[in-house]
Amino acid sequence: MKRSLGWSGVLGVLVLAACGGEAAERSTAEGDRVALIEACETQQGIEWLRREYGEDYCDCRADVAKEALDVPTYRMLVEGARAELEAGSPEEREGIARDAFEAYAQAADAARMNCRG
């Protein structure tokens, strides 16, 4: 026996889909932020950056990057961070950073201007 959805059923499905989409987007945004912070915390020279810009440098850098970078550059930064976290060697991480240099440089510049501790 087939049942058809009435308008209230259709509306309910649309509301659930919209809410699910927002939750997935929020989850992705939170995951992106976590990846940026974790990659930052394991980068070479992080101790100096913390002394210079404050203990929460990596958190600040992640937040500032989201606001300061255009969407394609931010996506490149996030993809680079995720790839770095999966990299098997320091050389592999260095290659990833080199490939995403423009995004990394823009994020670093924005952090330098906004993340004084």
PDB file of N, CA and C in Angstrom:
ATOM      1  N   MET A   1       0.835  -1.172   0.000  1.00  0.00           N
ATOM      2  CA  MET A   1       0.000   0.000   0.000  1.00  0.00           C
ATOM      3  C   MET A   1       0.887   1.244   0.000  1.00  0.00           C
ATOM      4  N   LYS A   2       0.718   2.078  -0.978  1.00  0.00           N
ATOM      5  CA  LYS A   2       1.494   3.317  -1.073  1.00  0.00           C
ATOM      6  C   LYS A   2       0.782   4.402  -0.300  1.00  0.00           C
ATOM      7  N   ARG A   3       1.577   5.223   0.368  1.00  0.00           N
ATOM      8  CA  ARG A   3       1.026   6.376   1.072  1.00  0.00           C
ATOM      9  C   ARG A   3       1.632   7.618   0.458  1.00  0.00           C
ATOM     10  N   SER A   4       0.869   8.625   0.286  1.00  0.00           N
ATOM     11  CA  SER A   4       1.422   9.884  -0.214  1.00  0.00           C
ATOM     12  C   SER A   4       1.580  10.833   0.966  1.00  0.00           C
ATOM     13  N   LEU A   5       2.541  11.667   0.856  1.00  0.00           N
ATOM     14  CA  LEU A   5       2.774  12.663   1.887  1.00  0.00           C
ATOM     15  C   LEU A   5       1.855  13.845   1.637  1.00  0.00           C
ATOM     16  N   GLY A   6       1.171  14.254   2.642  1.00  0.00           N
ATOM     17  CA  GLY A   6       0.393  15.485   2.535  1.00  0.00           C
ATOM     18  C   GLY A   6       1.329  16.666   2.660  1.00  0.00           C
ATOM     19  N   TRP A   7       0.801  17.881   2.551  1.00  0.00           N
ATOM     20  CA  TRP A   7       1.643  19.079   2.657  1.00  0.00           C
ATOM     21  C   TRP A   7       2.389  19.126   3.980  1.00  0.00           C
ATOM     22  N   SER A   8       1.759  18.697   5.056  1.00  0.00           N
ATOM     23  CA  SER A   8       2.456  18.732   6.351  1.00  0.00           C
ATOM     24  C   SER A   8       3.615  17.746   6.362  1.00  0.00           C
ATOM     25  N   GLY A   9       3.449  16.605   5.697  1.00  0.00           N
ATOM     26  CA  GLY A   9       4.539  15.644   5.611  1.00  0.00           C
ATOM     27  C   GLY A   9       5.688  16.162   4.756  1.00  0.00           C
ATOM     28  N   VAL A  10       5.357  16.794   3.664  1.00  0.00           N
ATOM     29  CA  VAL A  10       6.379  17.379   2.787  1.00  0.00           C
ATOM     30  C   VAL A  10       7.117  18.479   3.525  1.00  0.00           C
ATOM     31  N   LEU A  11       6.344  19.327   4.224  1.00  0.00           N
ATOM     32  CA  LEU A  11       6.959  20.408   4.990  1.00  0.00           C
ATOM     33  C   LEU A  11       7.893  19.842   6.055  1.00  0.00           C
ATOM     34  N   GLY A  12       7.486  18.773   6.725  1.00  0.00           N
ATOM     35  CA  GLY A  12       8.326  18.145   7.744  1.00  0.00           C
ATOM     36  C   GLY A  12       9.625  17.616   7.160  1.00  0.00           C
ATOM     37  N   VAL A  13       9.547  16.998   5.992  1.00  0.00           N
ATOM     38  CA  VAL A  13      10.743  16.477   5.331  1.00  0.00           C
ATOM     39  C   VAL A  13      11.672  17.625   4.953  1.00  0.00           C
ATOM     40  N   LEU A  14      11.123  18.717   4.439  1.00  0.00           N
ATOM     41  CA  LEU A  14      11.935  19.868   4.064  1.00  0.00           C
ATOM     42  C   LEU A  14      12.617  20.488   5.282  1.00  0.00           C
ATOM     43  N   VAL A  15      11.886  20.586   6.388  1.00  0.00           N
ATOM     44  CA  VAL A  15      12.468  21.149   7.613  1.00  0.00           C
ATOM     45  C   VAL A  15      13.598  20.258   8.106  1.00  0.00           C
ATOM     46  N   LEU A  16      13.389  18.950   8.111  1.00  0.00           N
ATOM     47  CA  LEU A  16      14.443  18.027   8.532  1.00  0.00           C
ATOM     48  C   LEU A  16      15.657  18.123   7.616  1.00  0.00           C
ATOM     49  N   ALA A  17      15.432  18.216   6.327  1.00  0.00           N
ATOM     50  CA  ALA A  17      16.545  18.327   5.394  1.00  0.00           C
ATOM     51  C   ALA A  17      17.313  19.621   5.616  1.00  0.00           C
ATOM     52  N   ALA A  18      16.596  20.699   5.843  1.00  0.00           N
ATOM     53  CA  ALA A  18      17.263  21.989   6.085  1.00  0.00           C
ATOM     54  C   ALA A  18      18.062  21.950   7.369  1.00  0.00           C
ATOM     55  N   CYS A  19      17.482  21.411   8.411  1.00  0.00           N
ATOM     56  CA  CYS A  19      18.194  21.325   9.690  1.00  0.00           C
ATOM     57  C   CYS A  19      19.400  20.406   9.572  1.00  0.00           C
ATOM     58  N   GLY A  20      19.238  19.303   8.870  1.00  0.00           N
ATOM     59  CA  GLY A  20      20.356  18.394   8.670  1.00  0.00           C
ATOM     60  C   GLY A  20      21.468  19.063   7.895  1.00  0.00           C
ATOM     61  N   GLY A  21      21.098  19.863   6.899  1.00  0.00           N
ATOM     62  CA  GLY A  21      22.096  20.582   6.120  1.00  0.00           C
ATOM     63  C   GLY A  21      22.852  21.585   6.971  1.00  0.00           C
ATOM     64  N   GLU A  22      22.139  22.300   7.834  1.00  0.00           N
ATOM     65  CA  GLU A  22      22.793  23.258   8.728  1.00  0.00           C
ATOM     66  C   GLU A  22      23.722  22.545   9.695  1.00  0.00           C
ATOM     67  N   ALA A  23      23.278  21.411  10.228  1.00  0.00           N
ATOM     68  CA  ALA A  23      24.120  20.659  11.165  1.00  0.00           C
ATOM     69  C   ALA A  23      25.370  20.135  10.464  1.00  0.00           C
ATOM     70  N   ALA A  24      25.195  19.641   9.239  1.00  0.00           N
ATOM     71  CA  ALA A  24      26.357  19.145   8.495  1.00  0.00           C
ATOM     72  C   ALA A  24      27.319  20.276   8.183  1.00  0.00           C
ATOM     73  N   GLU A  25      26.766  21.441   7.807  1.00  0.00           N
ATOM     74  CA  GLU A  25      27.627  22.591   7.515  1.00  0.00           C
ATOM     75  C   GLU A  25      28.369  23.031   8.770  1.00  0.00           C
ATOM     76  N   ARG A  26      27.661  23.077   9.902  1.00  0.00           N
ATOM     77  CA  ARG A  26      28.282  23.467  11.165  1.00  0.00           C
ATOM     78  C   ARG A  26      29.350  22.450  11.542  1.00  0.00           C
ATOM     79  N   SER A  27      29.045  21.166  11.372  1.00  0.00           N
ATOM     80  CA  SER A  27      29.995  20.109  11.698  1.00  0.00           C
ATOM     81  C   SER A  27      31.244  20.233  10.826  1.00  0.00           C
ATOM     82  N   THR A  28      31.056  20.511   9.545  1.00  0.00           N
ATOM     83  CA  THR A  28      32.194  20.685   8.649  1.00  0.00           C
ATOM     84  C   THR A  28      33.009  21.898   9.055  1.00  0.00           C
ATOM     85  N   ALA A  29      32.341  22.999   9.382  1.00  0.00           N
ATOM     86  CA  ALA A  29      33.048  24.214   9.806  1.00  0.00           C
ATOM     87  C   ALA A  29      33.845  23.956  11.076  1.00  0.00           C
ATOM     88  N   GLU A  30      33.256  23.235  12.020  1.00  0.00           N
ATOM     89  CA  GLU A  30      33.965  22.902  13.257  1.00  0.00           C
ATOM     90  C   GLU A  30      35.131  21.969  12.970  1.00  0.00           C
ATOM     91  N   GLY A  31      34.924  21.004  12.082  1.00  0.00           N
ATOM     92  CA  GLY A  31      35.997  20.085  11.703  1.00  0.00           C
ATOM     93  C   GLY A  31      37.130  20.807  10.992  1.00  0.00           C
ATOM     94  N   ASP A  32      36.771  21.780  10.152  1.00  0.00           N
ATOM     95  CA  ASP A  32      37.792  22.584   9.474  1.00  0.00           C
ATOM     96  C   ASP A  32      38.621  23.339  10.501  1.00  0.00           C
ATOM     97  N   ARG A  33      37.947  23.948  11.463  1.00  0.00           N
ATOM     98  CA  ARG A  33      38.644  24.725  12.497  1.00  0.00           C
ATOM     99  C   ARG A  33      39.582  23.822  13.302  1.00  0.00           C
ATOM    100  N   VAL A  34      39.104  22.655  13.669  1.00  0.00           N
ATOM    101  CA  VAL A  34      39.926  21.707  14.429  1.00  0.00           C
ATOM    102  C   VAL A  34      41.152  21.296  13.614  1.00  0.00           C
ATOM    103  N   ALA A  35      40.964  21.012  12.338  1.00  0.00           N
ATOM    104  CA  ALA A  35      42.095  20.625  11.484  1.00  0.00           C
ATOM    105  C   ALA A  35      43.121  21.754  11.404  1.00  0.00           C
ATOM    106  N   LEU A  36      42.647  22.986  11.253  1.00  0.00           N
ATOM    107  CA  LEU A  36      43.564  24.128  11.195  1.00  0.00           C
ATOM    108  C   LEU A  36      44.354  24.261  12.495  1.00  0.00           C
ATOM    109  N   ILE A  37      43.683  24.106  13.623  1.00  0.00           N
ATOM    110  CA  ILE A  37      44.348  24.241  14.924  1.00  0.00           C
ATOM    111  C   ILE A  37      45.352  23.115  15.130  1.00  0.00           C
ATOM    112  N   GLU A  38      44.946  21.874  14.845  1.00  0.00           N
ATOM    113  CA  GLU A  38      45.849  20.741  15.044  1.00  0.00           C
ATOM    114  C   GLU A  38      47.082  20.847  14.157  1.00  0.00           C
ATOM    115  N   ALA A  39      46.897  21.235  12.899  1.00  0.00           N
ATOM    116  CA  ALA A  39      48.052  21.381  12.001  1.00  0.00           C
ATOM    117  C   ALA A  39      48.954  22.512  12.484  1.00  0.00           C
ATOM    118  N   CYS A  40      48.365  23.591  12.944  1.00  0.00           N
ATOM    119  CA  CYS A  40      49.142  24.720  13.453  1.00  0.00           C
ATOM    120  C   CYS A  40      49.962  24.308  14.675  1.00  0.00           C
ATOM    121  N   GLU A  41      49.343  23.557  15.576  1.00  0.00           N
ATOM    122  CA  GLU A  41      50.017  23.172  16.823  1.00  0.00           C
ATOM    123  C   GLU A  41      51.184  22.225  16.601  1.00  0.00           C
ATOM    124  N   THR A  42      51.241  21.606  15.437  1.00  0.00           N
ATOM    125  CA  THR A  42      52.345  20.678  15.157  1.00  0.00           C
ATOM    126  C   THR A  42      53.343  21.246  14.153  1.00  0.00           C
ATOM    127  N   GLN A  43      53.190  22.513  13.799  1.00  0.00           N
ATOM    128  CA  GLN A  43      54.114  23.090  12.816  1.00  0.00           C
ATOM    129  C   GLN A  43      55.453  23.449  13.456  1.00  0.00           C
ATOM    130  N   GLN A  44      56.438  23.485  12.622  1.00  0.00           N
ATOM    131  CA  GLN A  44      57.773  23.854  13.071  1.00  0.00           C
ATOM    132  C   GLN A  44      57.740  25.324  13.506  1.00  0.00           C
ATOM    133  N   GLY A  45      58.344  25.628  14.635  1.00  0.00           N
ATOM    134  CA  GLY A  45      58.411  26.997  15.119  1.00  0.00           C
ATOM    135  C   GLY A  45      57.217  27.452  15.929  1.00  0.00           C
ATOM    136  N   ILE A  46      56.326  26.533  16.291  1.00  0.00           N
ATOM    137  CA  ILE A  46      55.108  26.929  17.002  1.00  0.00           C
ATOM    138  C   ILE A  46      55.415  27.535  18.378  1.00  0.00           C
ATOM    139  N   GLU A  47      56.451  27.064  19.037  1.00  0.00           N
ATOM    140  CA  GLU A  47      56.785  27.626  20.355  1.00  0.00           C
ATOM    141  C   GLU A  47      57.135  29.105  20.247  1.00  0.00           C
ATOM    142  N   TRP A  48      57.889  29.468  19.220  1.00  0.00           N
ATOM    143  CA  TRP A  48      58.223  30.876  19.022  1.00  0.00           C
ATOM    144  C   TRP A  48      56.956  31.688  18.738  1.00  0.00           C
ATOM    145  N   LEU A  49      56.072  31.154  17.886  1.00  0.00           N
ATOM    146  CA  LEU A  49      54.835  31.855  17.566  1.00  0.00           C
ATOM    147  C   LEU A  49      53.981  32.063  18.812  1.00  0.00           C
ATOM    148  N   ARG A  50      53.927  31.069  19.681  1.00  0.00           N
ATOM    149  CA  ARG A  50      53.158  31.216  20.936  1.00  0.00           C
ATOM    150  C   ARG A  50      53.763  32.278  21.835  1.00  0.00           C
ATOM    151  N   ARG A  51      55.079  32.307  21.916  1.00  0.00           N
ATOM    152  CA  ARG A  51      55.728  33.344  22.737  1.00  0.00           C
ATOM    153  C   ARG A  51      55.460  34.727  22.160  1.00  0.00           C
ATOM    154  N   GLU A  52      55.510  34.814  20.852  1.00  0.00           N
ATOM    155  CA  GLU A  52      55.350  36.103  20.177  1.00  0.00           C
ATOM    156  C   GLU A  52      53.893  36.581  20.137  1.00  0.00           C
ATOM    157  N   TYR A  53      52.961  35.660  19.872  1.00  0.00           N
ATOM    158  CA  TYR A  53      51.569  36.032  19.632  1.00  0.00           C
ATOM    159  C   TYR A  53      50.580  35.533  20.681  1.00  0.00           C
ATOM    160  N   GLY A  54      51.048  34.788  21.659  1.00  0.00           N
ATOM    161  CA  GLY A  54      50.168  34.308  22.717  1.00  0.00           C
ATOM    162  C   GLY A  54      49.899  32.821  22.616  1.00  0.00           C
ATOM    163  N   GLU A  55      49.547  32.247  23.741  1.00  0.00           N
ATOM    164  CA  GLU A  55      49.292  30.801  23.815  1.00  0.00           C
ATOM    165  C   GLU A  55      48.161  30.346  22.903  1.00  0.00           C
ATOM    166  N   ASP A  56      47.195  31.211  22.647  1.00  0.00           N
ATOM    167  CA  ASP A  56      46.054  30.824  21.813  1.00  0.00           C
ATOM    168  C   ASP A  56      46.259  31.196  20.341  1.00  0.00           C
ATOM    169  N   TYR A  57      47.525  31.303  19.927  1.00  0.00           N
ATOM    170  CA  TYR A  57      47.842  31.689  18.550  1.00  0.00           C
ATOM    171  C   TYR A  57      47.112  30.814  17.530  1.00  0.00           C
ATOM    172  N   CYS A  58      47.141  29.508  17.692  1.00  0.00           N
ATOM    173  CA  CYS A  58      46.541  28.615  16.697  1.00  0.00           C
ATOM    174  C   CYS A  58      45.024  28.780  16.623  1.00  0.00           C
ATOM    175  N   ASP A  59      44.378  28.964  17.764  1.00  0.00           N
ATOM    176  CA  ASP A  59      42.933  29.223  17.770  1.00  0.00           C
ATOM    177  C   ASP A  59      42.634  30.533  17.047  1.00  0.00           C
ATOM    178  N   CYS A  60      43.405  31.558  17.379  1.00  0.00           N
ATOM    179  CA  CYS A  60      43.214  32.870  16.767  1.00  0.00           C
ATOM    180  C   CYS A  60      43.455  32.791  15.260  1.00  0.00           C
ATOM    181  N   ARG A  61      44.520  32.118  14.858  1.00  0.00           N
ATOM    182  CA  ARG A  61      44.848  31.991  13.431  1.00  0.00           C
ATOM    183  C   ARG A  61      43.707  31.321  12.675  1.00  0.00           C
ATOM    184  N   ALA A  62      43.142  30.271  13.253  1.00  0.00           N
ATOM    185  CA  ALA A  62      42.032  29.567  12.603  1.00  0.00           C
ATOM    186  C   ALA A  62      40.814  30.487  12.461  1.00  0.00           C
ATOM    187  N   ASP A  63      40.507  31.239  13.500  1.00  0.00           N
ATOM    188  CA  ASP A  63      39.346  32.132  13.462  1.00  0.00           C
ATOM    189  C   ASP A  63      39.564  33.292  12.502  1.00  0.00           C
ATOM    190  N   VAL A  64      40.749  33.876  12.545  1.00  0.00           N
ATOM    191  CA  VAL A  64      41.072  35.006  11.671  1.00  0.00           C
ATOM    192  C   VAL A  64      41.092  34.560  10.209  1.00  0.00           C
ATOM    193  N   ALA A  65      41.624  33.384   9.937  1.00  0.00           N
ATOM    194  CA  ALA A  65      41.684  32.887   8.555  1.00  0.00           C
ATOM    195  C   ALA A  65      40.282  32.760   7.977  1.00  0.00           C
ATOM    196  N   LYS A  66      39.361  32.263   8.758  1.00  0.00           N
ATOM    197  CA  LYS A  66      37.972  32.095   8.299  1.00  0.00           C
ATOM    198  C   LYS A  66      37.386  33.437   7.877  1.00  0.00           C
ATOM    199  N   GLU A  67      37.703  34.479   8.627  1.00  0.00           N
ATOM    200  CA  GLU A  67      37.163  35.809   8.341  1.00  0.00           C
ATOM    201  C   GLU A  67      37.929  36.537   7.245  1.00  0.00           C
ATOM    202  N   ALA A  68      39.251  36.391   7.216  1.00  0.00           N
ATOM    203  CA  ALA A  68      40.083  37.228   6.354  1.00  0.00           C
ATOM    204  C   ALA A  68      40.281  36.677   4.939  1.00  0.00           C
ATOM    205  N   LEU A  69      40.244  35.361   4.780  1.00  0.00           N
ATOM    206  CA  LEU A  69      40.548  34.770   3.475  1.00  0.00           C
ATOM    207  C   LEU A  69      39.284  34.615   2.637  1.00  0.00           C
ATOM    208  N   ASP A  70      39.438  34.714   1.323  1.00  0.00           N
ATOM    209  CA  ASP A  70      38.289  34.423   0.469  1.00  0.00           C
ATOM    210  C   ASP A  70      38.047  32.909   0.508  1.00  0.00           C
ATOM    211  N   VAL A  71      36.898  32.492   0.053  1.00  0.00           N
ATOM    212  CA  VAL A  71      36.489  31.088   0.188  1.00  0.00           C
ATOM    213  C   VAL A  71      37.474  30.120  -0.482  1.00  0.00           C
ATOM    214  N   PRO A  72      37.904  30.345  -1.724  1.00  0.00           N
ATOM    215  CA  PRO A  72      38.845  29.382  -2.330  1.00  0.00           C
ATOM    216  C   PRO A  72      40.170  29.289  -1.571  1.00  0.00           C
ATOM    217  N   THR A  73      40.669  30.416  -1.091  1.00  0.00           N
ATOM    218  CA  THR A  73      41.935  30.405  -0.357  1.00  0.00           C
ATOM    219  C   THR A  73      41.759  29.712   0.992  1.00  0.00           C
ATOM    220  N   TYR A  74      40.629  29.959   1.651  1.00  0.00           N
ATOM    221  CA  TYR A  74      40.356  29.292   2.929  1.00  0.00           C
ATOM    222  C   TYR A  74      40.241  27.787   2.718  1.00  0.00           C
ATOM    223  N   ARG A  75      39.557  27.368   1.661  1.00  0.00           N
ATOM    224  CA  ARG A  75      39.426  25.931   1.376  1.00  0.00           C
ATOM    225  C   ARG A  75      40.803  25.317   1.128  1.00  0.00           C
ATOM    226  N   MET A  76      41.671  26.031   0.405  1.00  0.00           N
ATOM    227  CA  MET A  76      43.022  25.535   0.150  1.00  0.00           C
ATOM    228  C   MET A  76      43.779  25.384   1.465  1.00  0.00           C
ATOM    229  N   LEU A  77      43.610  26.342   2.362  1.00  0.00           N
ATOM    230  CA  LEU A  77      44.266  26.281   3.666  1.00  0.00           C
ATOM    231  C   LEU A  77      43.776  25.069   4.461  1.00  0.00           C
ATOM    232  N   VAL A  78      42.479  24.856   4.491  1.00  0.00           N
ATOM    233  CA  VAL A  78      41.903  23.721   5.229  1.00  0.00           C
ATOM    234  C   VAL A  78      42.354  22.399   4.614  1.00  0.00           C
ATOM    235  N   GLU A  79      42.307  22.305   3.300  1.00  0.00           N
ATOM    236  CA  GLU A  79      42.732  21.066   2.638  1.00  0.00           C
ATOM    237  C   GLU A  79      44.210  20.799   2.902  1.00  0.00           C
ATOM    238  N   GLY A  80      45.024  21.842   2.911  1.00  0.00           N
ATOM    239  CA  GLY A  80      46.436  21.692   3.231  1.00  0.00           C
ATOM    240  C   GLY A  80      46.639  21.212   4.659  1.00  0.00           C
ATOM    241  N   ALA A  81      45.882  21.792   5.586  1.00  0.00           N
ATOM    242  CA  ALA A  81      45.988  21.391   6.992  1.00  0.00           C
ATOM    243  C   ALA A  81      45.604  19.922   7.160  1.00  0.00           C
ATOM    244  N   ARG A  82      44.510  19.522   6.524  1.00  0.00           N
ATOM    245  CA  ARG A  82      44.076  18.118   6.615  1.00  0.00           C
ATOM    246  C   ARG A  82      45.137  17.186   6.013  1.00  0.00           C
ATOM    247  N   ALA A  83      45.692  17.572   4.889  1.00  0.00           N
ATOM    248  CA  ALA A  83      46.729  16.753   4.238  1.00  0.00           C
ATOM    249  C   ALA A  83      47.976  16.677   5.117  1.00  0.00           C
ATOM    250  N   GLU A  84      48.348  17.797   5.738  1.00  0.00           N
ATOM    251  CA  GLU A  84      49.509  17.786   6.627  1.00  0.00           C
ATOM    252  C   GLU A  84      49.308  16.818   7.784  1.00  0.00           C
ATOM    253  N   LEU A  85      48.106  16.800   8.348  1.00  0.00           N
ATOM    254  CA  LEU A  85      47.829  15.912   9.474  1.00  0.00           C
ATOM    255  C   LEU A  85      47.914  14.445   9.080  1.00  0.00           C
ATOM    256  N   GLU A  86      47.681  14.159   7.809  1.00  0.00           N
ATOM    257  CA  GLU A  86      47.756  12.784   7.323  1.00  0.00           C
ATOM    258  C   GLU A  86      49.134  12.430   6.760  1.00  0.00           C
ATOM    259  N   ALA A  87      49.998  13.421   6.623  1.00  0.00           N
ATOM    260  CA  ALA A  87      51.316  13.208   6.022  1.00  0.00           C
ATOM    261  C   ALA A  87      52.149  12.245   6.859  1.00  0.00           C
ATOM    262  N   GLY A  88      52.979  11.494   6.167  1.00  0.00           N
ATOM    263  CA  GLY A  88      53.793  10.498   6.840  1.00  0.00           C
ATOM    264  C   GLY A  88      55.179  10.965   7.246  1.00  0.00           C
ATOM    265  N   SER A  89      55.597  12.121   6.754  1.00  0.00           N
ATOM    266  CA  SER A  89      56.953  12.573   7.054  1.00  0.00           C
ATOM    267  C   SER A  89      57.016  14.098   7.054  1.00  0.00           C
ATOM    268  N   PRO A  90      58.047  14.647   7.687  1.00  0.00           N
ATOM    269  CA  PRO A  90      58.229  16.101   7.644  1.00  0.00           C
ATOM    270  C   PRO A  90      58.412  16.617   6.211  1.00  0.00           C
ATOM    271  N   GLU A  91      59.065  15.835   5.382  1.00  0.00           N
ATOM    272  CA  GLU A  91      59.267  16.244   3.990  1.00  0.00           C
ATOM    273  C   GLU A  91      57.935  16.338   3.253  1.00  0.00           C
ATOM    274  N   GLU A  92      57.056  15.370   3.523  1.00  0.00           N
ATOM    275  CA  GLU A  92      55.740  15.382   2.889  1.00  0.00           C
ATOM    276  C   GLU A  92      54.942  16.612   3.349  1.00  0.00           C
ATOM    277  N   ARG A  93      55.017  16.916   4.638  1.00  0.00           N
ATOM    278  CA  ARG A  93      54.339  18.117   5.159  1.00  0.00           C
ATOM    279  C   ARG A  93      54.882  19.373   4.512  1.00  0.00           C
ATOM    280  N   GLU A  94      56.195  19.427   4.346  1.00  0.00           N
ATOM    281  CA  GLU A  94      56.822  20.597   3.733  1.00  0.00           C
ATOM    282  C   GLU A  94      56.335  20.777   2.296  1.00  0.00           C
ATOM    283  N   GLY A  95      56.204  19.684   1.565  1.00  0.00           N
ATOM    284  CA  GLY A  95      55.702  19.748   0.190  1.00  0.00           C
ATOM    285  C   GLY A  95      54.267  20.243   0.132  1.00  0.00           C
ATOM    286  N   ILE A  96      53.463  19.800   1.074  1.00  0.00           N
ATOM    287  CA  ILE A  96      52.066  20.242   1.135  1.00  0.00           C
ATOM    288  C   ILE A  96      52.015  21.741   1.414  1.00  0.00           C
ATOM    289  N   ALA A  97      52.811  22.186   2.361  1.00  0.00           N
ATOM    290  CA  ALA A  97      52.856  23.610   2.698  1.00  0.00           C
ATOM    291  C   ALA A  97      53.342  24.435   1.503  1.00  0.00           C
ATOM    292  N   ARG A  98      54.295  23.918   0.777  1.00  0.00           N
ATOM    293  CA  ARG A  98      54.807  24.619  -0.413  1.00  0.00           C
ATOM    294  C   ARG A  98      53.711  24.733  -1.477  1.00  0.00           C
ATOM    295  N   ASP A  99      52.951  23.660  -1.662  1.00  0.00           N
ATOM    296  CA  ASP A  99      51.880  23.656  -2.668  1.00  0.00           C
ATOM    297  C   ASP A  99      50.770  24.656  -2.322  1.00  0.00           C
ATOM    298  N   ALA A 100      50.535  24.859  -1.033  1.00  0.00           N
ATOM    299  CA  ALA A 100      49.472  25.771  -0.580  1.00  0.00           C
ATOM    300  C   ALA A 100      50.072  27.073  -0.032  1.00  0.00           C
ATOM    301  N   PHE A 101      51.244  27.441  -0.521  1.00  0.00           N
ATOM    302  CA  PHE A 101      51.980  28.576   0.026  1.00  0.00           C
ATOM    303  C   PHE A 101      51.149  29.854   0.118  1.00  0.00           C
ATOM    304  N   GLU A 102      50.441  30.182  -0.937  1.00  0.00           N
ATOM    305  CA  GLU A 102      49.671  31.435  -0.965  1.00  0.00           C
ATOM    306  C   GLU A 102      48.643  31.469   0.173  1.00  0.00           C
ATOM    307  N   ALA A 103      47.931  30.373   0.374  1.00  0.00           N
ATOM    308  CA  ALA A 103      46.933  30.324   1.450  1.00  0.00           C
ATOM    309  C   ALA A 103      47.612  30.409   2.812  1.00  0.00           C
ATOM    310  N   TYR A 104      48.717  29.694   2.979  1.00  0.00           N
ATOM    311  CA  TYR A 104      49.438  29.715   4.249  1.00  0.00           C
ATOM    312  C   TYR A 104      49.977  31.117   4.543  1.00  0.00           C
ATOM    313  N   ALA A 105      50.499  31.779   3.505  1.00  0.00           N
ATOM    314  CA  ALA A 105      51.057  33.121   3.690  1.00  0.00           C
ATOM    315  C   ALA A 105      49.967  34.118   4.061  1.00  0.00           C
ATOM    316  N   GLN A 106      48.820  34.035   3.399  1.00  0.00           N
ATOM    317  CA  GLN A 106      47.721  34.948   3.724  1.00  0.00           C
ATOM    318  C   GLN A 106      47.213  34.720   5.145  1.00  0.00           C
ATOM    319  N   ALA A 107      47.119  33.455   5.557  1.00  0.00           N
ATOM    320  CA  ALA A 107      46.673  33.149   6.920  1.00  0.00           C
ATOM    321  C   ALA A 107      47.679  33.669   7.940  1.00  0.00           C
ATOM    322  N   ALA A 108      48.964  33.501   7.667  1.00  0.00           N
ATOM    323  CA  ALA A 108      50.006  33.981   8.579  1.00  0.00           C
ATOM    324  C   ALA A 108      49.986  35.499   8.681  1.00  0.00           C
ATOM    325  N   ASP A 109      49.812  36.182   7.549  1.00  0.00           N
ATOM    326  CA  ASP A 109      49.745  37.650   7.571  1.00  0.00           C
ATOM    327  C   ASP A 109      48.550  38.136   8.387  1.00  0.00           C
ATOM    328  N   ALA A 110      47.403  37.512   8.176  1.00  0.00           N
ATOM    329  CA  ALA A 110      46.202  37.903   8.925  1.00  0.00           C
ATOM    330  C   ALA A 110      46.397  37.650  10.418  1.00  0.00           C
ATOM    331  N   ALA A 111      47.027  36.536  10.758  1.00  0.00           N
ATOM    332  CA  ALA A 111      47.277  36.224  12.175  1.00  0.00           C
ATOM    333  C   ALA A 111      48.247  37.231  12.785  1.00  0.00           C
ATOM    334  N   ARG A 112      49.289  37.588  12.061  1.00  0.00           N
ATOM    335  CA  ARG A 112      50.252  38.563  12.577  1.00  0.00           C
ATOM    336  C   ARG A 112      49.580  39.892  12.898  1.00  0.00           C
ATOM    337  N   MET A 113      48.613  40.287  12.086  1.00  0.00           N
ATOM    338  CA  MET A 113      47.939  41.574  12.299  1.00  0.00           C
ATOM    339  C   MET A 113      46.883  41.510  13.392  1.00  0.00           C
ATOM    340  N   ASN A 114      46.356  40.323  13.683  1.00  0.00           N
ATOM    341  CA  ASN A 114      45.189  40.222  14.567  1.00  0.00           C
ATOM    342  C   ASN A 114      45.369  39.369  15.817  1.00  0.00           C
ATOM    343  N   CYS A 115      46.466  38.696  15.970  1.00  0.00           N
ATOM    344  CA  CYS A 115      46.586  37.708  17.049  1.00  0.00           C
ATOM    345  C   CYS A 115      47.669  38.055  18.090  1.00  0.00           C
ATOM    346  N   ARG A 116      47.839  39.276  18.365  1.00  0.00           N
ATOM    347  CA  ARG A 116      48.805  39.645  19.411  1.00  0.00           C
ATOM    348  C   ARG A 116      48.265  39.229  20.767  1.00  0.00           C
ATOM    349  N   GLY A 117      49.087  38.500  21.541  1.00  0.00           N
ATOM    350  CA  GLY A 117      48.646  38.009  22.851  1.00  0.00           C
ATOM    351  C   GLY A 117      48.946  38.863  23.956  1.00  0.00           C
TER     352      GLY A 117
END
